[in-house]
């Protein structure tokens, strides 16, 4: 969710009509398109059965990935290679 929000804000800032005085109409169209796309994504994420929060996403990792993320190269708990 944070990645989506960050990308949305970055793209919206880049296409803001004030930053494109030579072609305000196109910038306005792009801004509206970005807002519409963001709203669709947010609605989908809100209604989807899967929680897109960071903790929930990390719980979906496979066993080895989960262990590696939490313990990495820890000498006691990490994977011994």
Protein backbone atom coordinates (compact mmCIF):
# COMPACT_ATOMS: atom_id res chain seq x y z
CA UNK A 1 0.00 0.00 0.00
CA UNK A 2 2.82 2.38 0.84
CA UNK A 3 4.45 1.69 -2.53
CA UNK A 4 1.21 2.40 -4.38
CA UNK A 5 0.63 5.61 -2.45
CA UNK A 6 4.19 6.81 -2.96
CA UNK A 7 4.11 6.09 -6.71
CA UNK A 8 0.74 7.82 -7.02
CA UNK A 9 1.96 10.96 -5.29
CA UNK A 10 5.16 11.02 -7.34
CA UNK A 11 3.30 10.66 -10.65
CA UNK A 12 0.59 13.13 -9.63
CA UNK A 13 3.23 15.68 -8.73
CA UNK A 14 5.00 15.15 -12.05
CA UNK A 15 1.78 15.69 -14.05
CA UNK A 16 0.32 18.56 -12.05
CA UNK A 17 -1.00 21.22 -14.50
CA UNK A 18 1.06 23.95 -12.83
CA UNK A 19 4.22 22.11 -13.88
CA UNK A 20 3.12 21.98 -17.54
CA UNK A 21 1.98 25.50 -18.45
CA UNK A 22 2.67 24.79 -22.14
CA UNK A 23 0.10 21.95 -22.21
CA UNK A 24 -2.25 22.36 -19.28
CA UNK A 25 -5.03 20.42 -20.99
CA UNK A 26 -2.93 17.25 -21.38
CA UNK A 27 -1.57 17.59 -17.85
CA UNK A 28 -5.13 17.94 -16.56
CA UNK A 29 -6.19 14.81 -18.42
CA UNK A 30 -3.24 12.86 -17.04
CA UNK A 31 -3.97 14.11 -13.52
CA UNK A 32 -7.60 12.98 -13.79
CA UNK A 33 -6.49 9.60 -15.17
CA UNK A 34 -4.04 9.12 -12.31
CA UNK A 35 -6.68 10.00 -9.73
CA UNK A 36 -9.17 7.58 -11.32
CA UNK A 37 -6.60 4.77 -11.47
CA UNK A 38 -5.58 5.37 -7.85
CA UNK A 39 -9.21 5.24 -6.73
CA UNK A 40 -9.73 1.94 -8.57
CA UNK A 41 -6.64 0.45 -6.94
CA UNK A 42 -7.63 1.66 -3.47
CA UNK A 43 -11.17 0.30 -3.86
CA UNK A 44 -9.80 -3.05 -5.02
CA UNK A 45 -7.36 -3.24 -2.11
CA UNK A 46 -10.01 -2.20 0.40
CA UNK A 47 -12.56 -4.79 -0.81
CA UNK A 48 -10.14 -7.63 -1.46
CA UNK A 49 -10.10 -10.38 1.15
CA UNK A 50 -6.35 -10.20 1.57
CA UNK A 51 -4.95 -7.55 3.88
CA UNK A 52 -2.23 -5.58 2.09
CA UNK A 53 -0.64 -4.35 5.30
CA UNK A 54 3.08 -4.96 5.65
CA UNK A 55 2.71 -7.48 8.48
CA UNK A 56 0.16 -9.54 6.57
CA UNK A 57 2.25 -9.56 3.40
CA UNK A 58 5.29 -10.77 5.33
CA UNK A 59 3.25 -13.59 6.88
CA UNK A 60 2.64 -14.93 3.37
CA UNK A 61 6.32 -15.67 2.75
CA UNK A 62 7.39 -19.30 2.45
CA UNK A 63 9.10 -20.83 5.49
CA UNK A 64 12.68 -20.22 4.40
CA UNK A 65 11.94 -16.67 3.26
CA UNK A 66 10.16 -15.92 6.53
CA UNK A 67 13.09 -17.23 8.54
CA UNK A 68 15.65 -15.36 6.42
CA UNK A 69 13.77 -12.04 6.75
CA UNK A 70 13.58 -12.33 10.51
CA UNK A 71 16.93 -13.84 11.37
CA UNK A 72 19.16 -13.56 8.30
CA UNK A 73 22.74 -14.36 9.21
CA UNK A 74 22.20 -14.40 12.95
CA UNK A 75 24.79 -16.87 14.31
CA UNK A 76 22.32 -18.55 16.65
CA UNK A 77 19.01 -18.49 14.74
CA UNK A 78 19.98 -17.80 11.14
CA UNK A 79 20.58 -20.35 8.41
CA UNK A 80 23.90 -22.07 8.72
CA UNK A 81 25.57 -22.17 5.32
